[in-house]
Amino acid sequence: MAKMVHSMIRVLDEARSVEFYDKAFGLNVADRRPFDGFTLIYLSNLETGFELELTVNADRSEPYNLGDGYGHLAVTVEDVEAEHKRFSELGLTVGKLADMPHEGRPFAKFFFVTDPDGYRTEVIQRGGRFT
């Protein structure tokens, strides 16, 4: 059976992105591999073995066009309201806290945060489908 190990996004500024993912999600650099023309940075934390791979292309100076195909990453947290408040106090770009019912019952409570390159991450209250 396959095991998912990482998702990759392209970023312009390594330091800015590493700082964002550390502040927002406690992701730290697990590995950094420079290659000719690009660098791969793997971010992780103790919550999961899944990593976020940041790719920094050396010759890139223009923001990436995310197009209409990119959706979002998603993480779960113990207290989504507290995280929404913390993210807001950190000055991160956060959306409104939302409840999403399904068939008359709670399904998800969440908000989105946008990183410096425009990638969105959904932050979901842990529980039910999202444990």
N, C-alpha and C. Protein backbone atom coordinates (compact mmCIF):
# COMPACT_ATOMS: atom_id res chain seq x y z
N MET A 1 0.83 -1.17 0.00
CA MET A 1 0.00 0.00 0.00
C MET A 1 0.88 1.24 0.00
N ALA A 2 0.43 2.30 -0.64
CA ALA A 2 1.18 3.54 -0.72
C ALA A 2 1.07 4.33 0.58
N LYS A 3 2.13 5.04 0.91
CA LYS A 3 2.15 5.91 2.09
C LYS A 3 2.48 7.32 1.60
N MET A 4 1.59 8.27 1.83
CA MET A 4 1.86 9.65 1.43
C MET A 4 2.95 10.21 2.35
N VAL A 5 3.97 10.87 1.76
CA VAL A 5 5.08 11.37 2.55
C VAL A 5 5.25 12.88 2.52
N HIS A 6 4.87 13.53 1.40
CA HIS A 6 4.96 14.99 1.38
C HIS A 6 4.12 15.59 0.26
N SER A 7 3.90 16.89 0.40
CA SER A 7 3.30 17.70 -0.65
C SER A 7 4.27 18.83 -0.92
N MET A 8 4.40 19.25 -2.18
CA MET A 8 5.38 20.27 -2.55
C MET A 8 4.69 21.53 -3.04
N ILE A 9 5.22 22.67 -2.63
CA ILE A 9 4.81 23.95 -3.18
C ILE A 9 6.06 24.74 -3.54
N ARG A 10 5.95 25.60 -4.55
CA ARG A 10 7.06 26.45 -4.97
C ARG A 10 6.93 27.81 -4.29
N VAL A 11 8.01 28.27 -3.69
CA VAL A 11 7.99 29.54 -2.97
C VAL A 11 9.13 30.43 -3.46
N LEU A 12 8.96 31.73 -3.30
CA LEU A 12 9.98 32.68 -3.74
C LEU A 12 11.09 32.90 -2.72
N ASP A 13 10.72 33.00 -1.46
CA ASP A 13 11.66 33.40 -0.42
C ASP A 13 11.70 32.35 0.68
N GLU A 14 12.79 31.61 0.73
CA GLU A 14 12.92 30.52 1.69
C GLU A 14 12.70 30.98 3.13
N ALA A 15 13.41 32.01 3.55
CA ALA A 15 13.34 32.46 4.94
C ALA A 15 11.92 32.89 5.31
N ARG A 16 11.27 33.62 4.44
CA ARG A 16 9.91 34.11 4.69
C ARG A 16 8.94 32.93 4.84
N SER A 17 9.07 31.94 3.97
CA SER A 17 8.17 30.79 4.02
C SER A 17 8.45 29.91 5.23
N VAL A 18 9.72 29.67 5.54
CA VAL A 18 10.07 28.86 6.71
C VAL A 18 9.54 29.53 7.97
N GLU A 19 9.67 30.86 8.06
CA GLU A 19 9.17 31.58 9.23
C GLU A 19 7.64 31.46 9.33
N PHE A 20 6.93 31.60 8.22
CA PHE A 20 5.47 31.48 8.23
C PHE A 20 5.04 30.11 8.72
N TYR A 21 5.58 29.02 8.15
CA TYR A 21 5.13 27.68 8.52
C TYR A 21 5.55 27.29 9.93
N ASP A 22 6.61 27.89 10.44
CA ASP A 22 6.98 27.68 11.83
C ASP A 22 5.99 28.38 12.74
N LYS A 23 5.74 29.68 12.48
CA LYS A 23 4.81 30.44 13.32
C LYS A 23 3.41 29.86 13.29
N ALA A 24 2.94 29.53 12.11
CA ALA A 24 1.55 29.08 11.96
C ALA A 24 1.35 27.65 12.48
N PHE A 25 2.22 26.73 12.10
CA PHE A 25 1.97 25.31 12.34
C PHE A 25 3.06 24.57 13.10
N GLY A 26 4.09 25.29 13.55
CA GLY A 26 5.16 24.62 14.27
C GLY A 26 5.96 23.67 13.40
N LEU A 27 5.98 23.94 12.08
CA LEU A 27 6.78 23.10 11.18
C LEU A 27 8.21 23.63 11.16
N ASN A 28 9.15 22.73 11.31
CA ASN A 28 10.56 23.10 11.33
C ASN A 28 11.28 22.39 10.20
N VAL A 29 12.44 22.93 9.84
CA VAL A 29 13.23 22.34 8.76
C VAL A 29 13.76 20.98 9.22
N ALA A 30 13.31 19.93 8.55
CA ALA A 30 13.78 18.57 8.82
C ALA A 30 14.96 18.23 7.93
N ASP A 31 15.00 18.84 6.76
CA ASP A 31 16.09 18.59 5.81
C ASP A 31 16.10 19.73 4.82
N ARG A 32 17.29 20.04 4.32
CA ARG A 32 17.46 21.10 3.31
C ARG A 32 18.50 20.59 2.33
N ARG A 33 18.11 20.51 1.05
CA ARG A 33 19.00 19.97 0.03
C ARG A 33 19.16 20.95 -1.13
N PRO A 34 20.33 21.62 -1.20
CA PRO A 34 20.58 22.49 -2.35
C PRO A 34 21.02 21.67 -3.56
N PHE A 35 20.47 22.02 -4.71
CA PHE A 35 20.85 21.42 -5.99
C PHE A 35 21.25 22.55 -6.92
N ASP A 36 21.75 22.21 -8.08
CA ASP A 36 22.11 23.21 -9.07
C ASP A 36 20.84 23.87 -9.59
N GLY A 37 20.58 25.11 -9.20
CA GLY A 37 19.43 25.86 -9.69
C GLY A 37 18.20 25.86 -8.80
N PHE A 38 18.15 25.01 -7.77
CA PHE A 38 17.01 24.99 -6.87
C PHE A 38 17.40 24.37 -5.53
N THR A 39 16.57 24.63 -4.53
CA THR A 39 16.77 24.06 -3.20
C THR A 39 15.46 23.46 -2.72
N LEU A 40 15.56 22.29 -2.10
CA LEU A 40 14.40 21.63 -1.51
C LEU A 40 14.51 21.73 0.01
N ILE A 41 13.44 22.19 0.64
CA ILE A 41 13.40 22.32 2.09
C ILE A 41 12.21 21.49 2.58
N TYR A 42 12.46 20.53 3.46
CA TYR A 42 11.41 19.67 3.99
C TYR A 42 11.05 20.13 5.39
N LEU A 43 9.77 20.43 5.61
CA LEU A 43 9.28 20.90 6.90
C LEU A 43 8.42 19.83 7.56
N SER A 44 8.58 19.67 8.88
CA SER A 44 7.76 18.68 9.59
C SER A 44 7.64 19.08 11.05
N ASN A 45 6.79 18.34 11.77
CA ASN A 45 6.69 18.49 13.22
C ASN A 45 6.41 17.12 13.82
N LEU A 46 6.32 17.05 15.13
CA LEU A 46 6.15 15.76 15.81
C LEU A 46 4.75 15.18 15.68
N GLU A 47 3.78 15.97 15.20
CA GLU A 47 2.39 15.51 15.08
C GLU A 47 2.23 14.43 14.01
N THR A 48 3.05 14.48 12.96
CA THR A 48 2.84 13.58 11.83
C THR A 48 4.15 13.35 11.08
N GLY A 49 4.22 12.27 10.35
CA GLY A 49 5.37 12.00 9.51
C GLY A 49 5.27 12.66 8.15
N PHE A 50 4.11 13.23 7.83
CA PHE A 50 3.90 13.90 6.54
C PHE A 50 4.66 15.21 6.52
N GLU A 51 5.31 15.52 5.43
CA GLU A 51 6.12 16.73 5.33
C GLU A 51 5.60 17.67 4.24
N LEU A 52 5.92 18.94 4.41
CA LEU A 52 5.69 19.94 3.38
C LEU A 52 7.05 20.25 2.76
N GLU A 53 7.14 20.06 1.46
CA GLU A 53 8.38 20.34 0.74
C GLU A 53 8.25 21.71 0.08
N LEU A 54 9.17 22.60 0.41
CA LEU A 54 9.24 23.90 -0.24
C LEU A 54 10.32 23.82 -1.31
N THR A 55 9.99 24.23 -2.52
CA THR A 55 10.97 24.28 -3.61
C THR A 55 11.25 25.74 -3.92
N VAL A 56 12.52 26.13 -3.84
CA VAL A 56 12.94 27.48 -4.16
C VAL A 56 13.81 27.40 -5.40
N ASN A 57 13.31 27.97 -6.50
CA ASN A 57 14.08 27.99 -7.75
C ASN A 57 14.95 29.23 -7.74
N ALA A 58 16.26 29.05 -7.95
CA ALA A 58 17.24 30.12 -7.82
C ALA A 58 17.00 31.27 -8.78
N ASP A 59 16.53 31.00 -9.97
CA ASP A 59 16.39 32.05 -10.97
C ASP A 59 15.01 32.69 -11.00
N ARG A 60 14.17 32.41 -10.03
CA ARG A 60 12.80 32.91 -10.01
C ARG A 60 12.71 34.20 -9.21
N SER A 61 12.14 35.25 -9.81
CA SER A 61 11.94 36.50 -9.08
C SER A 61 10.48 36.94 -9.10
N GLU A 62 9.67 36.38 -9.98
CA GLU A 62 8.25 36.72 -10.08
C GLU A 62 7.41 35.74 -9.27
N PRO A 63 6.34 36.23 -8.65
CA PRO A 63 5.44 35.31 -7.93
C PRO A 63 4.90 34.23 -8.87
N TYR A 64 4.65 33.07 -8.32
CA TYR A 64 4.08 31.97 -9.09
C TYR A 64 2.60 32.23 -9.32
N ASN A 65 2.12 31.84 -10.49
CA ASN A 65 0.70 31.91 -10.79
C ASN A 65 0.08 30.62 -10.27
N LEU A 66 -0.73 30.72 -9.22
CA LEU A 66 -1.32 29.53 -8.63
C LEU A 66 -2.45 28.97 -9.48
N GLY A 67 -2.95 29.76 -10.42
CA GLY A 67 -3.97 29.28 -11.33
C GLY A 67 -5.26 28.92 -10.62
N ASP A 68 -6.08 28.15 -11.30
CA ASP A 68 -7.35 27.75 -10.70
C ASP A 68 -7.39 26.27 -10.36
N GLY A 69 -6.23 25.63 -10.35
CA GLY A 69 -6.18 24.20 -10.05
C GLY A 69 -5.78 23.88 -8.62
N TYR A 70 -5.03 24.77 -7.98
CA TYR A 70 -4.59 24.51 -6.62
C TYR A 70 -5.77 24.68 -5.67
N GLY A 71 -5.92 23.73 -4.75
CA GLY A 71 -6.97 23.81 -3.75
C GLY A 71 -6.40 24.31 -2.44
N HIS A 72 -5.98 23.40 -1.58
CA HIS A 72 -5.39 23.79 -0.30
C HIS A 72 -4.82 22.57 0.41
N LEU A 73 -3.95 22.85 1.36
CA LEU A 73 -3.51 21.86 2.34
C LEU A 73 -4.50 21.95 3.49
N ALA A 74 -4.50 20.95 4.37
CA ALA A 74 -5.38 21.00 5.54
C ALA A 74 -4.65 20.40 6.74
N VAL A 75 -4.87 21.03 7.90
CA VAL A 75 -4.34 20.53 9.16
C VAL A 75 -5.47 20.54 10.18
N THR A 76 -5.36 19.68 11.18
CA THR A 76 -6.33 19.70 12.28
C THR A 76 -5.65 20.22 13.53
N VAL A 77 -6.45 20.86 14.38
CA VAL A 77 -5.95 21.41 15.64
C VAL A 77 -6.93 21.09 16.76
N GLU A 78 -6.45 21.12 17.98
CA GLU A 78 -7.29 20.83 19.15
C GLU A 78 -8.32 21.92 19.41
N ASP A 79 -7.96 23.19 19.18
CA ASP A 79 -8.86 24.31 19.49
C ASP A 79 -8.80 25.32 18.35
N VAL A 80 -9.71 25.17 17.39
CA VAL A 80 -9.66 26.01 16.19
C VAL A 80 -9.93 27.48 16.51
N GLU A 81 -10.76 27.76 17.52
CA GLU A 81 -11.02 29.15 17.88
C GLU A 81 -9.77 29.81 18.46
N ALA A 82 -9.04 29.09 19.31
CA ALA A 82 -7.81 29.63 19.87
C ALA A 82 -6.76 29.85 18.78
N GLU A 83 -6.67 28.92 17.84
CA GLU A 83 -5.71 29.07 16.74
C GLU A 83 -6.08 30.24 15.84
N HIS A 84 -7.36 30.43 15.58
CA HIS A 84 -7.81 31.57 14.78
C HIS A 84 -7.38 32.88 15.45
N LYS A 85 -7.59 32.95 16.76
CA LYS A 85 -7.18 34.14 17.52
C LYS A 85 -5.66 34.32 17.48
N ARG A 86 -4.92 33.24 17.69
CA ARG A 86 -3.45 33.31 17.69
C ARG A 86 -2.93 33.76 16.33
N PHE A 87 -3.45 33.17 15.25
CA PHE A 87 -3.02 33.54 13.90
C PHE A 87 -3.30 35.03 13.65
N SER A 88 -4.48 35.48 14.07
CA SER A 88 -4.85 36.89 13.89
C SER A 88 -3.89 37.79 14.64
N GLU A 89 -3.58 37.43 15.89
CA GLU A 89 -2.66 38.23 16.70
C GLU A 89 -1.25 38.24 16.12
N LEU A 90 -0.86 37.17 15.41
CA LEU A 90 0.45 37.13 14.76
C LEU A 90 0.48 37.97 13.48
N GLY A 91 -0.68 38.45 13.07
CA GLY A 91 -0.75 39.26 11.85
C GLY A 91 -0.78 38.44 10.58
N LEU A 92 -1.11 37.13 10.70
CA LEU A 92 -1.19 36.29 9.51
C LEU A 92 -2.50 36.60 8.77
N THR A 93 -2.54 36.26 7.50
CA THR A 93 -3.72 36.51 6.67
C THR A 93 -4.71 35.38 6.89
N VAL A 94 -5.72 35.62 7.73
CA VAL A 94 -6.69 34.59 8.08
C VAL A 94 -8.08 34.96 7.58
N GLY A 95 -8.84 33.94 7.22
CA GLY A 95 -10.23 34.12 6.85
C GLY A 95 -11.12 33.98 8.07
N LYS A 96 -12.40 34.09 7.83
CA LYS A 96 -13.35 34.00 8.96
C LYS A 96 -13.46 32.56 9.44
N LEU A 97 -13.78 32.42 10.69
CA LEU A 97 -14.03 31.12 11.30
C LEU A 97 -15.42 30.69 10.84
N ALA A 98 -15.54 29.49 10.30
CA ALA A 98 -16.81 29.05 9.72
C ALA A 98 -17.21 27.68 10.24
N ASP A 99 -18.52 27.48 10.33
CA ASP A 99 -19.10 26.17 10.63
C ASP A 99 -19.71 25.64 9.34
N MET A 100 -19.53 24.35 9.09
CA MET A 100 -20.11 23.73 7.89
C MET A 100 -20.93 22.52 8.33
N PRO A 101 -22.25 22.67 8.32
CA PRO A 101 -23.09 21.53 8.68
C PRO A 101 -23.31 20.61 7.47
N HIS A 102 -23.67 19.38 7.75
CA HIS A 102 -24.03 18.42 6.71
C HIS A 102 -25.21 17.62 7.21
N GLU A 103 -26.29 17.66 6.45
CA GLU A 103 -27.52 16.95 6.82
C GLU A 103 -27.97 17.31 8.23
N GLY A 104 -27.89 18.61 8.54
CA GLY A 104 -28.38 19.11 9.81
C GLY A 104 -27.48 18.89 11.01
N ARG A 105 -26.31 18.32 10.79
CA ARG A 105 -25.37 18.07 11.90
C ARG A 105 -24.04 18.76 11.62
N PRO A 106 -23.28 19.08 12.68
CA PRO A 106 -21.97 19.68 12.46
C PRO A 106 -21.06 18.73 11.66
N PHE A 107 -20.37 19.27 10.69
CA PHE A 107 -19.41 18.48 9.90
C PHE A 107 -18.00 19.00 10.12
N ALA A 108 -17.82 20.32 10.02
CA ALA A 108 -16.49 20.89 10.19
C ALA A 108 -16.59 22.33 10.70
N LYS A 109 -15.63 22.69 11.54
CA LYS A 109 -15.44 24.08 11.96
C LYS A 109 -14.01 24.42 11.55
N PHE A 110 -13.84 25.51 10.80
CA PHE A 110 -12.55 25.75 10.16
C PHE A 110 -12.36 27.22 9.79
N PHE A 111 -11.12 27.53 9.39
CA PHE A 111 -10.79 28.79 8.74
C PHE A 111 -9.62 28.51 7.80
N PHE A 112 -9.37 29.45 6.92
CA PHE A 112 -8.22 29.36 6.02
C PHE A 112 -7.20 30.42 6.38
N VAL A 113 -5.92 30.08 6.23
CA VAL A 113 -4.82 31.02 6.38
C VAL A 113 -4.04 30.98 5.07
N THR A 114 -3.55 32.14 4.65
CA THR A 114 -2.83 32.25 3.39
C THR A 114 -1.36 32.56 3.67
N ASP A 115 -0.48 31.79 3.04
CA ASP A 115 0.96 32.00 3.26
C ASP A 115 1.47 33.14 2.39
N PRO A 116 2.75 33.53 2.53
CA PRO A 116 3.28 34.67 1.77
C PRO A 116 3.23 34.51 0.25
N ASP A 117 3.13 33.29 -0.26
CA ASP A 117 3.07 33.07 -1.70
C ASP A 117 1.65 32.88 -2.21
N GLY A 118 0.67 32.98 -1.32
CA GLY A 118 -0.72 32.86 -1.74
C GLY A 118 -1.34 31.49 -1.56
N TYR A 119 -0.58 30.51 -1.05
CA TYR A 119 -1.12 29.18 -0.82
C TYR A 119 -2.01 29.21 0.42
N ARG A 120 -3.14 28.55 0.33
CA ARG A 120 -4.08 28.51 1.45
C ARG A 120 -3.99 27.18 2.18
N THR A 121 -4.10 27.25 3.49
CA THR A 121 -4.17 26.06 4.34
C THR A 121 -5.44 26.15 5.15
N GLU A 122 -6.20 25.06 5.15
CA GLU A 122 -7.41 24.98 5.94
C GLU A 122 -7.04 24.47 7.34
N VAL A 123 -7.49 25.16 8.35
CA VAL A 123 -7.24 24.79 9.74
C VAL A 123 -8.58 24.32 10.30
N ILE A 124 -8.67 23.02 10.66
CA ILE A 124 -9.93 22.38 11.01
C ILE A 124 -9.91 21.93 12.48
N GLN A 125 -11.04 22.12 13.15
CA GLN A 125 -11.20 21.60 14.51
C GLN A 125 -11.09 20.08 14.48
N ARG A 126 -10.23 19.51 15.31
CA ARG A 126 -10.06 18.07 15.39
C ARG A 126 -11.34 17.42 15.92
N GLY A 127 -11.73 16.31 15.30
CA GLY A 127 -12.90 15.56 15.75
C GLY A 127 -13.68 15.02 14.57
N GLY A 128 -14.53 14.05 14.85
CA GLY A 128 -15.35 13.45 13.79
C GLY A 128 -14.51 12.90 12.67
N ARG A 129 -14.78 13.33 11.46
CA ARG A 129 -14.04 12.90 10.27
C ARG A 129 -12.59 13.37 10.32
N PHE A 130 -12.33 14.44 11.08
CA PHE A 130 -11.03 15.10 11.07
C PHE A 130 -10.28 14.90 12.39
N THR A 131 -9.93 13.65 12.70
CA THR A 131 -9.22 13.36 13.93
C THR A 131 -7.72 13.34 13.73
